[in-house]
Protein backbone atom coordinates (compact mmCIF):
# COMPACT_ATOMS: atom_id res chain seq x y z
CA MET A 1 76.12 26.61 39.97
CA LEU A 2 72.44 26.04 40.32
CA SER A 3 71.64 28.68 37.76
CA ALA A 4 74.22 27.29 35.36
CA ALA A 5 72.91 23.80 35.66
CA THR A 6 69.54 25.19 35.08
CA ALA A 7 70.76 27.00 32.01
CA VAL A 8 72.43 23.86 30.70
CA LEU A 9 69.19 21.98 31.22
CA VAL A 10 67.26 24.56 29.30
CA VAL A 11 69.65 24.41 26.40
CA ALA A 12 69.40 20.62 26.33
CA THR A 13 65.64 20.54 26.32
CA VAL A 14 65.43 23.06 23.54
CA SER A 15 68.02 21.46 21.33
CA PHE A 16 66.46 18.00 21.18
CA PRO A 17 63.21 19.02 19.42
CA ALA A 18 65.14 21.15 17.03
CA TYR A 19 67.36 18.18 16.18
CA GLY A 20 64.39 16.01 15.67
CA GLN A 21 62.81 18.46 13.23
CA PHE A 22 65.82 18.69 10.96
CA GLU A 23 67.05 15.09 11.25
CA PRO A 24 64.05 12.82 10.58
CA ASP A 25 64.27 9.06 11.00
CA ILE A 26 64.58 7.91 7.42
CA LYS A 27 63.65 4.32 8.30
CA ASN A 28 60.25 5.38 9.70
CA ALA A 29 59.46 8.17 7.28
CA ASP A 30 56.22 6.51 6.08
CA GLY A 31 54.91 6.13 9.66
CA ARG A 32 54.39 2.38 9.47
CA HIS A 33 56.18 1.88 12.78
CA ASP A 34 54.43 4.69 14.67
CA PRO A 35 52.91 3.59 18.01
CA ASN A 36 49.17 2.94 18.13
CA ILE A 37 48.70 5.31 21.04
CA VAL A 38 50.67 8.53 20.73
CA SER A 39 49.96 9.77 24.25
CA ALA A 40 47.59 9.21 27.13
CA GLY A 41 46.02 12.62 26.50
CA GLY A 42 45.22 11.97 22.82
CA HIS A 43 41.70 12.50 21.36
CA ILE A 44 39.40 9.44 21.52
CA ALA A 45 36.49 9.55 19.07
CA PRO A 46 33.04 8.97 20.62
CA PRO A 47 31.02 5.94 19.51
CA PRO A 48 29.05 6.33 16.25
CA GLY A 49 25.70 8.03 16.71
CA THR A 50 26.79 9.93 19.82
CA TYR A 51 27.99 13.42 20.70
CA VAL A 52 30.21 14.64 23.56
CA VAL A 53 28.72 17.73 25.21
CA GLU A 54 30.81 20.87 25.13
CA GLU A 55 30.49 23.95 27.31
CA GLY A 56 27.41 25.97 26.46
CA ASP A 57 25.55 23.13 24.69
CA THR A 58 21.80 22.60 25.28
CA LEU A 59 19.41 19.95 24.01
CA TRP A 60 17.65 22.75 22.13
CA ASP A 61 20.86 23.65 20.25
CA LEU A 62 21.83 20.03 19.63
CA SER A 63 18.36 19.26 18.18
CA ASP A 64 18.78 22.16 15.79
CA MET A 65 22.31 20.99 14.91
CA PHE A 66 21.49 17.34 14.22
CA PHE A 67 17.76 17.34 13.38
CA SER A 68 17.40 20.87 11.93
CA ASP A 69 14.54 21.40 14.37
CA SER A 70 15.05 22.84 17.84
CA PHE A 71 11.56 21.76 18.86
CA ALA A 72 12.66 18.11 18.49
CA TRP A 73 14.56 18.32 21.80
CA PRO A 74 12.02 16.04 23.63
CA ILE A 75 12.83 13.30 21.10
CA LEU A 76 16.55 13.76 21.71
CA TRP A 77 15.91 13.66 25.47
CA SER A 78 13.94 10.41 25.09
CA PHE A 79 17.06 8.85 23.54
CA ASN A 80 19.02 9.71 26.71
CA PRO A 81 17.30 8.44 29.88
CA GLN A 82 20.52 9.10 31.79
CA VAL A 83 19.76 12.85 31.49
CA THR A 84 17.41 13.36 34.44
CA ASN A 85 16.83 17.07 33.80
CA PRO A 86 16.68 18.24 30.17
CA HIS A 87 17.71 21.76 31.21
CA TRP A 88 21.04 20.56 32.59
CA ILE A 89 23.66 18.78 30.51
CA TYR A 90 27.34 19.07 31.31
CA PRO A 91 30.63 19.12 29.36
CA SER A 92 31.95 15.62 28.56
CA ASP A 93 28.43 14.10 28.87
CA LEU A 94 27.77 11.50 26.15
CA ILE A 95 24.53 12.21 24.25
CA TYR A 96 22.96 9.50 22.06
CA LEU A 97 21.57 10.84 18.79
CA ARG A 98 19.37 7.86 18.03
CA LEU A 99 17.34 5.29 19.94
CA ARG A 100 19.45 2.52 21.40
CA THR A 101 18.43 -1.08 20.85
CA LYS A 102 19.70 -4.07 22.68
CA PRO A 103 22.12 -5.96 20.43
CA LYS A 104 21.28 -9.56 19.71
CA SER A 105 23.96 -12.17 19.47
CA ASP A 106 21.99 -14.40 17.12
CA ARG A 107 19.23 -13.83 14.63
CA GLU A 108 15.80 -14.89 15.83
CA VAL A 109 13.25 -16.38 13.48
CA ILE A 110 9.66 -16.86 14.58
CA PHE A 111 7.63 -19.25 12.47
CA ALA A 112 3.93 -18.46 12.19
CA LYS A 113 1.49 -21.25 11.51
CA SER A 114 0.24 -19.37 8.45
CA ARG A 115 -0.16 -15.81 7.26
CA TYR A 116 -3.80 -16.77 6.74
CA SER A 117 -4.64 -15.93 10.35
CA ASN A 118 -7.69 -17.32 12.10
CA ALA A 119 -7.65 -14.67 14.85
CA PRO A 120 -10.50 -12.11 14.87
CA ARG A 121 -9.61 -8.62 13.70
CA LEU A 122 -10.88 -6.33 16.47
CA SER A 123 -11.55 -3.31 14.29
CA GLU A 124 -13.79 -0.36 15.03
CA VAL A 125 -14.82 1.72 12.03
CA LEU A 126 -16.53 5.04 11.49
CA ALA A 127 -18.86 3.93 8.75
CA ARG A 128 -20.23 6.40 6.25
CA PHE A 129 -23.58 4.95 5.25
CA GLN A 130 -23.38 3.95 1.61
CA GLY A 131 -26.54 3.90 -0.42
CA PHE A 132 -28.45 0.64 -0.52
CA VAL A 133 -32.17 -0.02 -0.26
CA THR A 134 -33.83 -3.40 -0.32
CA GLU A 135 -36.25 -4.31 -3.08
CA ARG A 136 -39.20 -4.06 -0.66
CA LYS A 137 -38.14 -0.61 0.54
CA TYR A 138 -37.58 0.52 -3.04
CA ARG A 139 -41.11 -0.46 -4.02
CA SER A 140 -42.59 1.35 -1.02
CA SER A 141 -40.58 4.54 -1.56
CA GLY A 142 -42.18 7.81 -2.53
CA GLU A 143 -41.29 9.78 -5.66
CA ILE A 144 -40.77 13.52 -6.04
CA ALA A 145 -43.34 14.14 -8.74
CA TYR A 146 -43.62 17.93 -8.85
CA SER A 147 -42.33 21.13 -7.29
CA ARG A 148 -43.59 24.66 -7.12
CA GLU A 149 -40.05 25.90 -7.83
CA ALA A 150 -39.41 27.30 -11.30
CA LYS A 151 -36.19 25.33 -11.80
CA ASP A 152 -35.17 21.85 -12.79
CA MET A 153 -32.51 21.28 -10.14
CA LEU A 154 -33.77 21.55 -6.57
CA SER A 155 -31.77 22.23 -3.41
CA LYS A 156 -32.07 23.29 0.23
CA PHE A 157 -35.36 24.92 1.30
CA ASP A 158 -37.10 24.13 -2.00
CA GLU A 159 -40.61 22.62 -1.71
CA THR A 160 -41.60 19.36 -3.39
CA TYR A 161 -44.77 17.31 -3.91
CA VAL A 162 -44.25 13.59 -3.27
CA LYS A 163 -46.43 10.70 -4.37
CA PHE A 164 -46.46 7.22 -2.77
CA ARG A 165 -47.75 4.38 -4.92
CA ILE A 166 -48.28 2.22 -1.83
CA PRO A 167 -50.43 3.95 0.81
CA LYS A 168 -48.44 4.90 3.93
CA ARG A 169 -49.30 6.55 7.20
CA ILE A 170 -47.20 9.74 7.20
CA GLN A 171 -47.09 12.43 9.86
CA PRO A 172 -46.06 16.10 9.51
CA GLY A 173 -42.49 16.69 10.66
CA GLU A 174 -41.18 13.27 9.66
CA ILE A 175 -37.77 13.18 7.97
CA TYR A 176 -37.12 11.19 4.79
CA THR A 177 -33.93 10.48 2.86
CA VAL A 178 -33.80 11.48 -0.80
CA TYR A 179 -32.00 9.01 -3.06
CA ARG A 180 -31.45 8.18 -6.72
CA PRO A 181 -31.20 4.50 -7.83
CA SER A 182 -28.04 3.69 -9.77
CA ARG A 183 -28.02 -0.09 -10.35
CA GLN A 184 -29.85 -3.20 -9.24
CA VAL A 185 -28.32 -5.91 -7.07
CA LYS A 186 -29.19 -9.49 -7.98
CA ASN A 187 -28.44 -12.78 -6.27
CA PRO A 188 -25.84 -14.45 -8.57
CA VAL A 189 -27.25 -17.92 -7.82
CA THR A 190 -31.02 -17.39 -7.95
CA GLY A 191 -31.13 -14.21 -10.07
CA LYS A 192 -33.58 -12.66 -7.59
CA ASN A 193 -33.65 -8.86 -7.21
CA MET A 194 -32.21 -8.09 -3.77
CA GLY A 195 -32.19 -4.29 -3.84
CA TRP A 196 -30.58 -1.21 -5.32
CA ILE A 197 -27.28 0.62 -5.01
CA VAL A 198 -28.38 4.22 -4.57
CA GLN A 199 -26.93 7.69 -4.35
CA HIS A 200 -27.95 9.69 -1.27
CA LEU A 201 -28.90 13.23 -2.22
CA GLY A 202 -30.27 14.84 0.97
CA PHE A 203 -33.20 15.00 3.40
CA VAL A 204 -36.75 16.33 3.25
CA ARG A 205 -39.17 17.18 6.04
CA VAL A 206 -42.91 16.54 5.66
CA THR A 207 -44.88 19.80 5.91
CA GLY A 208 -48.36 18.80 4.66
CA VAL A 209 -50.40 15.59 4.41
CA ASN A 210 -53.88 16.93 3.65
CA ASN A 211 -53.79 16.28 -0.08
CA LYS A 212 -55.14 12.82 -0.93
CA LYS A 213 -52.54 12.07 -3.64
CA PHE A 214 -49.50 14.13 -2.69
CA ILE A 215 -47.67 15.11 0.46
CA THR A 216 -45.75 18.37 0.68
CA THR A 217 -42.13 18.40 1.78
CA VAL A 218 -39.32 20.93 2.10
CA ILE A 219 -35.71 20.01 1.39
CA GLN A 220 -33.82 20.29 4.67
CA ASP A 221 -30.39 19.51 3.29
CA SER A 222 -28.89 18.47 -0.05
CA TYR A 223 -25.51 17.01 -0.96
CA GLU A 224 -26.15 17.26 -4.69
CA GLU A 225 -28.88 18.62 -6.90
CA ILE A 226 -32.27 16.93 -6.44
CA LYS A 227 -34.56 16.38 -9.40
CA ARG A 228 -38.14 15.43 -10.05
CA GLY A 229 -38.24 11.64 -10.22
CA ASP A 230 -35.86 11.11 -7.31
CA ARG A 231 -37.21 8.90 -4.54
CA ILE A 232 -37.57 9.20 -0.77
CA THR A 233 -37.55 6.61 2.00
CA LYS A 234 -37.42 6.60 5.79
CA GLN A 235 -34.41 8.51 7.10
CA VAL A 236 -31.16 6.56 7.26
CA TRP A 237 -28.15 7.45 9.37
CA LYS A 238 -25.05 8.96 7.75
CA ASN A 239 -22.21 8.35 10.19
CA GLU A 240 -21.98 5.98 13.11
CA LYS A 241 -19.15 4.27 14.94
CA VAL A 242 -19.47 0.50 14.64
CA GLY A 243 -17.52 -1.95 16.78
CA PRO A 244 -17.25 -5.74 16.62
CA VAL A 245 -20.07 -7.85 18.09
CA GLU A 246 -19.87 -11.57 18.82
CA ASN A 247 -21.61 -13.75 16.26
CA LYS A 248 -24.53 -15.72 17.68
CA VAL A 249 -25.00 -18.12 14.76
CA SER A 250 -22.90 -19.95 12.19
CA GLN A 251 -23.75 -19.75 8.50
CA TRP A 252 -22.29 -19.33 5.03
CA SER A 253 -22.86 -16.31 2.82
CA ARG A 254 -21.69 -14.61 -0.40
CA ILE A 255 -20.75 -11.15 -1.65
CA LEU A 256 -23.48 -9.91 -3.98
CA GLU A 257 -22.15 -6.54 -5.11
CA SER A 258 -19.60 -3.80 -4.52
CA PHE A 259 -20.40 -0.12 -4.37
CA ARG A 260 -17.76 0.86 -6.88
CA GLY A 261 -19.18 -1.55 -9.44
CA LEU A 262 -15.87 -3.41 -9.75
CA ASN A 263 -15.41 -7.16 -9.73
CA GLU A 264 -12.17 -6.93 -7.73
CA MET A 265 -12.34 -5.49 -4.21
CA GLY A 266 -10.03 -4.97 -1.25
CA GLU A 267 -9.74 -3.33 2.17
CA HIS A 268 -12.16 -0.46 2.96
CA ASP A 269 -14.51 -1.32 0.08
CA TYR A 270 -18.24 -1.48 0.87
CA VAL A 271 -20.05 -4.65 -0.18
CA ILE A 272 -23.53 -6.18 -0.09
CA ILE A 273 -23.87 -9.61 1.59
CA ASP A 274 -26.74 -12.02 0.95
CA LYS A 275 -27.72 -12.43 4.62
CA GLY A 276 -29.67 -10.02 6.84
CA PHE A 277 -31.47 -9.68 10.16
CA LYS A 278 -33.93 -12.43 9.20
CA GLN A 279 -30.89 -14.72 9.27
CA LYS A 280 -29.91 -13.25 12.69
CA VAL A 281 -27.18 -10.97 11.34
CA LYS A 282 -26.51 -7.93 13.57
CA ARG A 283 -24.54 -4.75 13.20
CA GLY A 284 -20.92 -5.43 14.17
CA ASN A 285 -21.00 -9.12 13.22
CA ARG A 286 -17.99 -10.29 11.24
CA PHE A 287 -17.82 -12.62 8.26
CA ILE A 288 -14.59 -14.44 7.44
CA ILE A 289 -13.67 -14.21 3.76
CA ARG A 290 -12.95 -17.75 2.58
CA TRP A 291 -11.00 -18.90 -0.48
CA ARG A 292 -9.51 -22.11 -1.79
CA GLY A 293 -7.60 -22.87 -4.92
CA ASP A 294 -4.20 -22.07 -6.43
CA GLY A 295 -2.78 -18.56 -6.38
CA MET A 296 -1.36 -18.82 -9.92
CA ARG A 297 -3.39 -21.37 -11.81
CA VAL A 298 -7.05 -22.06 -12.51
CA VAL A 299 -8.17 -25.15 -10.62
CA SER A 300 -11.06 -27.27 -11.80
CA PRO A 301 -14.16 -27.39 -9.58
CA ASP A 302 -13.56 -31.06 -8.83
CA ALA A 303 -10.00 -30.44 -7.65
CA ARG A 304 -10.89 -27.22 -5.82
CA LYS A 305 -13.49 -28.87 -3.62
CA ASP A 306 -10.76 -31.06 -2.08
CA LEU A 307 -8.47 -28.12 -1.22
CA PRO A 308 -8.70 -26.54 2.26
CA TRP A 309 -10.54 -23.28 2.88
CA GLU A 310 -8.19 -20.42 3.67
CA GLN A 311 -9.01 -17.19 5.55
CA ILE A 312 -8.02 -14.25 3.34
CA GLY A 313 -9.83 -11.42 5.10
CA GLU A 314 -12.77 -10.20 7.11
CA ILE A 315 -15.91 -8.15 6.58
CA MET A 316 -17.76 -6.25 9.33
CA VAL A 317 -21.51 -5.68 9.03
CA ILE A 318 -22.42 -1.98 9.05
CA GLU A 319 -26.18 -2.29 8.59
CA PRO A 320 -28.31 -5.44 8.28
CA PHE A 321 -31.49 -5.41 6.21
CA GLU A 322 -34.10 -8.15 5.83
CA ASN A 323 -32.16 -10.61 3.68
CA THR A 324 -29.07 -8.57 2.89
CA SER A 325 -26.44 -6.58 4.79
CA LEU A 326 -24.12 -3.71 4.09
CA GLY A 327 -20.54 -4.52 5.10
CA ILE A 328 -17.05 -3.07 4.90
CA VAL A 329 -13.91 -5.06 4.15
CA VAL A 330 -11.72 -4.46 7.22
CA GLN A 331 -8.97 -6.88 6.15
CA SER A 332 -7.89 -8.64 2.96
CA ILE A 333 -4.59 -10.12 1.84
CA GLN A 334 -5.65 -10.65 -1.76
CA GLU A 335 -8.36 -9.49 -4.15
CA ILE A 336 -11.93 -10.57 -3.48
CA HIS A 337 -14.70 -10.79 -6.04
CA LYS A 338 -18.46 -10.86 -6.44
CA GLY A 339 -19.64 -14.29 -5.35
CA THR A 340 -16.75 -14.77 -2.90
CA VAL A 341 -17.71 -17.15 -0.12
CA LEU A 342 -18.05 -15.82 3.45
CA GLU A 343 -18.37 -17.71 6.71
CA MET A 344 -20.07 -16.40 9.84
CA VAL A 345 -18.64 -18.39 12.75
CA GLY A 346 -20.64 -18.56 15.98
CA GLY A 347 -18.73 -17.14 18.95
CA TYR A 348 -16.28 -15.26 16.68
């Protein structure tokens, strides 16, 4: 009897699915009344941006699968702080494929006082010395008058004969910079000659000072061809790291010239300022770039003088001279021009 009952049970369990296959429920043929959950063992999709570890998976393989770069596995590991050992991940572990951020219930808006910030910009720059010599240094420079070389363009290890129009005490072994003047820098207010934008060409070493009119030099290094008529002055540095230094005085200044010869300038441009070490300007001092007016329209001088000064950038001094300084624009939020007003604030 037990076996029969068992047999009957088997027949019953087999017949029901078969009946269901050949006699579908016409009322629910489109599936609109299907249950939301078919069974407790059904597949549940992982959250977006995640992956469920399967047997044999490694972070190395997953990085190759999702990032096309196996060597990106440390990045994938950084997304998953719950994985304490990157060599061991286990089946059914949930791996996040991107950095998780804490959701915010409401948007946050932070209002700044102005985008024209008054805070110092603590920049440190590796300044390549751009060519500028003061008018006094230009007048006291020597000139390559002749050479024993049978060629017009001179270069490394060639010998030159230099003449100084103003007598100077020169010692053998001294190093001088070779430069070529390109254009003069004038004060836009007074019209006074302030100096020259120059092109650095190389260095010479003094080898002989016995001749009464000429000294003998040898070219130690050259960046470009050197010609008769090029000038020499005391050696200037080429590269030096410059950091910010607190201003000791307060004063106003102006931009005299840019090295690119353009009227409009921006970040990383080199400029000449009309204040130098005689006005207590030091390397690393910072000038605030000031502006006032209307961003779209031309404002008359009378109306402009009543508008507030805005801070639109900052210039760091790379090298101060007597009455001028070489600076680099480390920040600007709009174009600046020759004649732009600068402010050196004490304690800044």
